[in-house]
PDB file of all heavy atoms in Angstrom:
ATOM      1  N   PRO A   1       0.795  -1.223   0.000  1.00  0.00           N
ATOM      2  CA  PRO A   1       0.000   0.000   0.000  1.00  0.00           C
ATOM      3  C   PRO A   1       0.830   1.276   0.000  1.00  0.00           C
ATOM      4  O   PRO A   1       0.294   2.352  -0.226  1.00  0.00           O
ATOM      5  CB  PRO A   1      -0.794  -0.098   1.294  1.00  0.00           C
ATOM      6  CG  PRO A   1       0.126  -0.813   2.227  1.00  0.00           C
ATOM      7  CD  PRO A   1       0.901  -1.787   1.354  1.00  0.00           C
ATOM      8  N   GLY A   2       2.147   1.202   0.222  1.00  0.00           N
ATOM      9  CA  GLY A   2       2.948   2.418   0.321  1.00  0.00           C
ATOM     10  C   GLY A   2       3.648   2.822  -0.947  1.00  0.00           C
ATOM     11  O   GLY A   2       4.384   3.803  -0.957  1.00  0.00           O
ATOM     12  N   GLY A   3       3.419   2.102  -2.029  1.00  0.00           N
ATOM     13  CA  GLY A   3       4.113   2.424  -3.263  1.00  0.00           C
ATOM     14  C   GLY A   3       3.382   1.905  -4.480  1.00  0.00           C
ATOM     15  O   GLY A   3       2.340   1.256  -4.383  1.00  0.00           O
ATOM     16  N   MET A   4       3.947   2.208  -5.633  1.00  0.00           N
ATOM     17  CA  MET A   4       3.400   1.753  -6.910  1.00  0.00           C
ATOM     18  C   MET A   4       4.567   1.632  -7.883  1.00  0.00           C
ATOM     19  O   MET A   4       5.395   2.535  -7.983  1.00  0.00           O
ATOM     20  CB  MET A   4       2.385   2.757  -7.447  1.00  0.00           C
ATOM     21  CG  MET A   4       1.840   2.421  -8.827  1.00  0.00           C
ATOM     22  SD  MET A   4       0.844   0.923  -8.905  1.00  0.00           S
ATOM     23  CE  MET A   4      -0.515   1.344  -7.832  1.00  0.00           C
ATOM     24  N   LEU A   5       4.621   0.523  -8.580  1.00  0.00           N
ATOM     25  CA  LEU A   5       5.637   0.295  -9.598  1.00  0.00           C
ATOM     26  C   LEU A   5       4.919   0.097 -10.920  1.00  0.00           C
ATOM     27  O   LEU A   5       4.086  -0.802 -11.052  1.00  0.00           O
ATOM     28  CB  LEU A   5       6.477  -0.934  -9.256  1.00  0.00           C
ATOM     29  CG  LEU A   5       7.560  -1.341 -10.254  1.00  0.00           C
ATOM     30  CD1 LEU A   5       8.590  -0.224 -10.418  1.00  0.00           C
ATOM     31  CD2 LEU A   5       8.243  -2.624  -9.795  1.00  0.00           C
ATOM     32  N   LEU A   6       5.229   0.948 -11.876  1.00  0.00           N
ATOM     33  CA  LEU A   6       4.647   0.852 -13.208  1.00  0.00           C
ATOM     34  C   LEU A   6       5.719   0.413 -14.193  1.00  0.00           C
ATOM     35  O   LEU A   6       6.893   0.750 -14.038  1.00  0.00           O
ATOM     36  CB  LEU A   6       4.100   2.208 -13.661  1.00  0.00           C
ATOM     37  CG  LEU A   6       2.996   2.828 -12.841  1.00  0.00           C
ATOM     38  CD1 LEU A   6       2.618   4.194 -13.423  1.00  0.00           C
ATOM     39  CD2 LEU A   6       1.781   1.921 -12.763  1.00  0.00           C
ATOM     40  N   ILE A   7       5.277  -0.315 -15.196  1.00  0.00           N
ATOM     41  CA  ILE A   7       6.168  -0.655 -16.299  1.00  0.00           C
ATOM     42  C   ILE A   7       5.510  -0.234 -17.611  1.00  0.00           C
ATOM     43  O   ILE A   7       4.288  -0.157 -17.721  1.00  0.00           O
ATOM     44  CB  ILE A   7       6.539  -2.150 -16.335  1.00  0.00           C
ATOM     45  CG1 ILE A   7       5.305  -3.033 -16.462  1.00  0.00           C
ATOM     46  CG2 ILE A   7       7.371  -2.529 -15.125  1.00  0.00           C
ATOM     47  CD1 ILE A   7       5.639  -4.488 -16.725  1.00  0.00           C
ATOM     48  N   ALA A   8       6.362   0.034 -18.573  1.00  0.00           N
ATOM     49  CA  ALA A   8       5.922   0.311 -19.936  1.00  0.00           C
ATOM     50  C   ALA A   8       6.376  -0.863 -20.782  1.00  0.00           C
ATOM     51  O   ALA A   8       7.540  -1.275 -20.712  1.00  0.00           O
ATOM     52  CB  ALA A   8       6.543   1.607 -20.445  1.00  0.00           C
ATOM     53  N   GLU A   9       5.441  -1.408 -21.536  1.00  0.00           N
ATOM     54  CA  GLU A   9       5.751  -2.535 -22.412  1.00  0.00           C
ATOM     55  C   GLU A   9       5.561  -2.117 -23.864  1.00  0.00           C
ATOM     56  O   GLU A   9       4.639  -1.369 -24.179  1.00  0.00           O
ATOM     57  CB  GLU A   9       4.799  -3.701 -22.160  1.00  0.00           C
ATOM     58  CG  GLU A   9       5.037  -4.456 -20.902  1.00  0.00           C
ATOM     59  CD  GLU A   9       4.072  -5.626 -20.774  1.00  0.00           C
ATOM     60  OE1 GLU A   9       2.888  -5.498 -21.145  1.00  0.00           O
ATOM     61  OE2 GLU A   9       4.509  -6.661 -20.274  1.00  0.00           O
ATOM     62  N   ARG A  10       6.417  -2.660 -24.691  1.00  0.00           N
ATOM     63  CA  ARG A  10       6.267  -2.510 -26.134  1.00  0.00           C
ATOM     64  C   ARG A  10       6.328  -3.907 -26.714  1.00  0.00           C
ATOM     65  O   ARG A  10       7.330  -4.613 -26.556  1.00  0.00           O
ATOM     66  CB  ARG A  10       7.376  -1.646 -26.712  1.00  0.00           C
ATOM     67  CG  ARG A  10       7.249  -1.457 -28.204  1.00  0.00           C
ATOM     68  CD  ARG A  10       8.369  -0.610 -28.722  1.00  0.00           C
ATOM     69  NE  ARG A  10       8.078  -0.171 -30.069  1.00  0.00           N
ATOM     70  CZ  ARG A  10       8.948   0.412 -30.848  1.00  0.00           C
ATOM     71  NH1 ARG A  10      10.177   0.652 -30.403  1.00  0.00           N
ATOM     72  NH2 ARG A  10       8.625   0.773 -32.060  1.00  0.00           N
ATOM     73  N   ASP A  11       5.232  -4.301 -27.341  1.00  0.00           N
ATOM     74  CA  ASP A  11       5.133  -5.642 -27.927  1.00  0.00           C
ATOM     75  C   ASP A  11       5.514  -6.727 -26.917  1.00  0.00           C
ATOM     76  O   ASP A  11       6.227  -7.676 -27.238  1.00  0.00           O
ATOM     77  CB  ASP A  11       5.991  -5.745 -29.193  1.00  0.00           C
ATOM     78  CG  ASP A  11       5.532  -4.774 -30.271  1.00  0.00           C
ATOM     79  OD1 ASP A  11       4.316  -4.528 -30.365  1.00  0.00           O
ATOM     80  OD2 ASP A  11       6.393  -4.239 -31.000  1.00  0.00           O
ATOM     81  N   GLY A  12       5.040  -6.559 -25.679  1.00  0.00           N
ATOM     82  CA  GLY A  12       5.252  -7.553 -24.636  1.00  0.00           C
ATOM     83  C   GLY A  12       6.596  -7.503 -23.938  1.00  0.00           C
ATOM     84  O   GLY A  12       6.859  -8.290 -23.037  1.00  0.00           O
ATOM     85  N   ARG A  13       7.459  -6.564 -24.327  1.00  0.00           N
ATOM     86  CA  ARG A  13       8.797  -6.444 -23.722  1.00  0.00           C
ATOM     87  C   ARG A  13       8.836  -5.192 -22.857  1.00  0.00           C
ATOM     88  O   ARG A  13       8.420  -4.117 -23.279  1.00  0.00           O
ATOM     89  CB  ARG A  13       9.857  -6.355 -24.821  1.00  0.00           C
ATOM     90  CG  ARG A  13      11.270  -6.529 -24.335  1.00  0.00           C
ATOM     91  CD  ARG A  13      12.242  -6.649 -25.498  1.00  0.00           C
ATOM     92  NE  ARG A  13      12.349  -5.420 -26.265  1.00  0.00           N
ATOM     93  CZ  ARG A  13      13.209  -4.447 -25.994  1.00  0.00           C
ATOM     94  NH1 ARG A  13      14.047  -4.555 -24.991  1.00  0.00           N
ATOM     95  NH2 ARG A  13      13.248  -3.368 -26.744  1.00  0.00           N
ATOM     96  N   VAL A  14       9.334  -5.326 -21.634  1.00  0.00           N
ATOM     97  CA  VAL A  14       9.415  -4.192 -20.709  1.00  0.00           C
ATOM     98  C   VAL A  14      10.517  -3.246 -21.186  1.00  0.00           C
ATOM     99  O   VAL A  14      11.673  -3.642 -21.312  1.00  0.00           O
ATOM    100  CB  VAL A  14       9.675  -4.660 -19.265  1.00  0.00           C
ATOM    101  CG1 VAL A  14       9.846  -3.469 -18.332  1.00  0.00           C
ATOM    102  CG2 VAL A  14       8.530  -5.550 -18.787  1.00  0.00           C
ATOM    103  N   VAL A  15      10.122  -1.981 -21.466  1.00  0.00           N
ATOM    104  CA  VAL A  15      11.075  -0.992 -21.976  1.00  0.00           C
ATOM    105  C   VAL A  15      11.115   0.275 -21.122  1.00  0.00           C
ATOM    106  O   VAL A  15      11.889   1.185 -21.407  1.00  0.00           O
ATOM    107  CB  VAL A  15      10.762  -0.623 -23.447  1.00  0.00           C
ATOM    108  CG1 VAL A  15      10.966  -1.824 -24.360  1.00  0.00           C
ATOM    109  CG2 VAL A  15       9.360  -0.058 -23.588  1.00  0.00           C
ATOM    110  N   GLY A  16      10.292   0.344 -20.092  1.00  0.00           N
ATOM    111  CA  GLY A  16      10.295   1.515 -19.228  1.00  0.00           C
ATOM    112  C   GLY A  16       9.784   1.164 -17.847  1.00  0.00           C
ATOM    113  O   GLY A  16       9.058   0.183 -17.665  1.00  0.00           O
ATOM    114  N   VAL A  17      10.180   1.990 -16.884  1.00  0.00           N
ATOM    115  CA  VAL A  17       9.789   1.768 -15.500  1.00  0.00           C
ATOM    116  C   VAL A  17       9.648   3.115 -14.802  1.00  0.00           C
ATOM    117  O   VAL A  17      10.309   4.092 -15.171  1.00  0.00           O
ATOM    118  CB  VAL A  17      10.828   0.856 -14.793  1.00  0.00           C
ATOM    119  CG1 VAL A  17      12.171   1.524 -14.679  1.00  0.00           C
ATOM    120  CG2 VAL A  17      10.345   0.381 -13.468  1.00  0.00           C
ATOM    121  N   GLY A  18       8.781   3.166 -13.834  1.00  0.00           N
ATOM    122  CA  GLY A  18       8.621   4.345 -12.990  1.00  0.00           C
ATOM    123  C   GLY A  18       7.981   3.912 -11.683  1.00  0.00           C
ATOM    124  O   GLY A  18       7.139   3.013 -11.670  1.00  0.00           O
ATOM    125  N   ALA A  19       8.398   4.519 -10.598  1.00  0.00           N
ATOM    126  CA  ALA A  19       7.903   4.104  -9.287  1.00  0.00           C
ATOM    127  C   ALA A  19       7.449   5.305  -8.475  1.00  0.00           C
ATOM    128  O   ALA A  19       7.825   6.447  -8.748  1.00  0.00           O
ATOM    129  CB  ALA A  19       8.996   3.344  -8.538  1.00  0.00           C
ATOM    130  N   LEU A  20       6.651   4.997  -7.488  1.00  0.00           N
ATOM    131  CA  LEU A  20       6.115   6.000  -6.588  1.00  0.00           C
ATOM    132  C   LEU A  20       6.150   5.418  -5.187  1.00  0.00           C
ATOM    133  O   LEU A  20       5.907   4.221  -5.007  1.00  0.00           O
ATOM    134  CB  LEU A  20       4.661   6.295  -6.990  1.00  0.00           C
ATOM    135  CG  LEU A  20       3.956   7.487  -6.398  1.00  0.00           C
ATOM    136  CD1 LEU A  20       4.589   8.784  -6.865  1.00  0.00           C
ATOM    137  CD2 LEU A  20       2.484   7.460  -6.811  1.00  0.00           C
ATOM    138  N   ARG A  21       6.471   6.261  -4.221  1.00  0.00           N
ATOM    139  CA  ARG A  21       6.414   5.824  -2.826  1.00  0.00           C
ATOM    140  C   ARG A  21       5.905   6.974  -1.977  1.00  0.00           C
ATOM    141  O   ARG A  21       6.075   8.141  -2.318  1.00  0.00           O
ATOM    142  CB  ARG A  21       7.772   5.327  -2.330  1.00  0.00           C
ATOM    143  CG  ARG A  21       8.813   6.413  -2.202  1.00  0.00           C
ATOM    144  CD  ARG A  21      10.132   5.864  -1.721  1.00  0.00           C
ATOM    145  NE  ARG A  21      11.075   6.964  -1.533  1.00  0.00           N
ATOM    146  CZ  ARG A  21      11.948   7.030  -0.558  1.00  0.00           C
ATOM    147  NH1 ARG A  21      12.030   6.064   0.323  1.00  0.00           N
ATOM    148  NH2 ARG A  21      12.764   8.048  -0.459  1.00  0.00           N
ATOM    149  N   ARG A  22       5.282   6.595  -0.882  1.00  0.00           N
ATOM    150  CA  ARG A  22       4.807   7.599   0.076  1.00  0.00           C
ATOM    151  C   ARG A  22       5.963   8.023   0.963  1.00  0.00           C
ATOM    152  O   ARG A  22       6.695   7.178   1.466  1.00  0.00           O
ATOM    153  CB  ARG A  22       3.716   7.022   0.968  1.00  0.00           C
ATOM    154  CG  ARG A  22       2.411   6.773   0.276  1.00  0.00           C
ATOM    155  CD  ARG A  22       1.406   6.239   1.312  1.00  0.00           C
ATOM    156  NE  ARG A  22       0.218   5.758   0.679  1.00  0.00           N
ATOM    157  CZ  ARG A  22      -0.890   6.492   0.506  1.00  0.00           C
ATOM    158  NH1 ARG A  22      -0.925   7.721   0.925  1.00  0.00           N
ATOM    159  NH2 ARG A  22      -1.945   5.972  -0.079  1.00  0.00           N
ATOM    160  N   LEU A  23       6.081   9.342   1.146  1.00  0.00           N
ATOM    161  CA  LEU A  23       7.015   9.856   2.134  1.00  0.00           C
ATOM    162  C   LEU A  23       6.284  10.170   3.434  1.00  0.00           C
ATOM    163  O   LEU A  23       6.879  10.144   4.501  1.00  0.00           O
ATOM    164  CB  LEU A  23       7.720  11.113   1.621  1.00  0.00           C
ATOM    165  CG  LEU A  23       8.686  10.898   0.449  1.00  0.00           C
ATOM    166  CD1 LEU A  23       9.300  12.226   0.022  1.00  0.00           C
ATOM    167  CD2 LEU A  23       9.767   9.899   0.810  1.00  0.00           C
ATOM    168  N   SER A  24       4.993  10.499   3.311  1.00  0.00           N
ATOM    169  CA  SER A  24       4.125  10.738   4.463  1.00  0.00           C
ATOM    170  C   SER A  24       2.692  10.609   3.964  1.00  0.00           C
ATOM    171  O   SER A  24       2.468  10.328   2.787  1.00  0.00           O
ATOM    172  CB  SER A  24       4.371  12.132   5.058  1.00  0.00           C
ATOM    173  OG  SER A  24       3.927  13.142   4.171  1.00  0.00           O
ATOM    174  N   ALA A  25       1.742  10.854   4.828  1.00  0.00           N
ATOM    175  CA  ALA A  25       0.332  10.714   4.433  1.00  0.00           C
ATOM    176  C   ALA A  25      -0.035  11.650   3.285  1.00  0.00           C
ATOM    177  O   ALA A  25      -0.886  11.313   2.462  1.00  0.00           O
ATOM    178  CB  ALA A  25      -0.577  10.970   5.626  1.00  0.00           C
ATOM    179  N   ASP A  26       0.613  12.802   3.198  1.00  0.00           N
ATOM    180  CA  ASP A  26       0.233  13.765   2.160  1.00  0.00           C
ATOM    181  C   ASP A  26       1.354  14.102   1.174  1.00  0.00           C
ATOM    182  O   ASP A  26       1.219  15.004   0.362  1.00  0.00           O
ATOM    183  CB  ASP A  26      -0.329  15.041   2.786  1.00  0.00           C
ATOM    184  CG  ASP A  26       0.638  15.741   3.722  1.00  0.00           C
ATOM    185  OD1 ASP A  26       1.703  15.172   4.023  1.00  0.00           O
ATOM    186  OD2 ASP A  26       0.326  16.859   4.145  1.00  0.00           O
ATOM    187  N   VAL A  27       2.460  13.346   1.214  1.00  0.00           N
ATOM    188  CA  VAL A  27       3.578  13.587   0.293  1.00  0.00           C
ATOM    189  C   VAL A  27       3.997  12.262  -0.340  1.00  0.00           C
ATOM    190  O   VAL A  27       4.220  11.270   0.349  1.00  0.00           O
ATOM    191  CB  VAL A  27       4.788  14.219   1.020  1.00  0.00           C
ATOM    192  CG1 VAL A  27       5.940  14.434   0.043  1.00  0.00           C
ATOM    193  CG2 VAL A  27       4.399  15.530   1.696  1.00  0.00           C
ATOM    194  N   ALA A  28       4.101  12.272  -1.673  1.00  0.00           N
ATOM    195  CA  ALA A  28       4.581  11.109  -2.420  1.00  0.00           C
ATOM    196  C   ALA A  28       5.826  11.512  -3.201  1.00  0.00           C
ATOM    197  O   ALA A  28       6.075  12.701  -3.429  1.00  0.00           O
ATOM    198  CB  ALA A  28       3.498  10.594  -3.363  1.00  0.00           C
ATOM    199  N   GLU A  29       6.596  10.503  -3.606  1.00  0.00           N
ATOM    200  CA  GLU A  29       7.843  10.760  -4.320  1.00  0.00           C
ATOM    201  C   GLU A  29       7.950   9.836  -5.535  1.00  0.00           C
ATOM    202  O   GLU A  29       7.732   8.629  -5.427  1.00  0.00           O
ATOM    203  CB  GLU A  29       9.029  10.506  -3.380  1.00  0.00           C
ATOM    204  CG  GLU A  29      10.373  10.777  -4.013  1.00  0.00           C
ATOM    205  CD  GLU A  29      11.540  10.418  -3.112  1.00  0.00           C
ATOM    206  OE1 GLU A  29      11.449   9.417  -2.360  1.00  0.00           O
ATOM    207  OE2 GLU A  29      12.553  11.135  -3.170  1.00  0.00           O
ATOM    208  N   VAL A  30       8.305  10.415  -6.666  1.00  0.00           N
ATOM    209  CA  VAL A  30       8.576   9.664  -7.892  1.00  0.00           C
ATOM    210  C   VAL A  30      10.008   9.149  -7.818  1.00  0.00           C
ATOM    211  O   VAL A  30      10.928   9.891  -7.461  1.00  0.00           O
ATOM    212  CB  VAL A  30       8.408  10.565  -9.138  1.00  0.00           C
ATOM    213  CG1 VAL A  30       8.875   9.846 -10.402  1.00  0.00           C
ATOM    214  CG2 VAL A  30       6.972  11.036  -9.279  1.00  0.00           C
ATOM    215  N   LYS A  31      10.198   7.883  -8.169  1.00  0.00           N
ATOM    216  CA  LYS A  31      11.517   7.268  -8.146  1.00  0.00           C
ATOM    217  C   LYS A  31      11.735   6.419  -9.399  1.00  0.00           C
ATOM    218  O   LYS A  31      10.797   5.896  -9.984  1.00  0.00           O
ATOM    219  CB  LYS A  31      11.666   6.342  -6.920  1.00  0.00           C
ATOM    220  CG  LYS A  31      11.597   7.038  -5.578  1.00  0.00           C
ATOM    221  CD  LYS A  31      12.638   8.109  -5.362  1.00  0.00           C
ATOM    222  CE  LYS A  31      14.054   7.607  -5.379  1.00  0.00           C
ATOM    223  NZ  LYS A  31      15.040   8.696  -5.254  1.00  0.00           N
TER     224      LYS A  31
END
């Protein structure tokens, strides 16, 4: 519940990534 990991796929192959995490209840950080 404290984060999110996204991937970007092209033709079924992972070619990108981006993540998010909570720093506090009202602050999130892109990683």
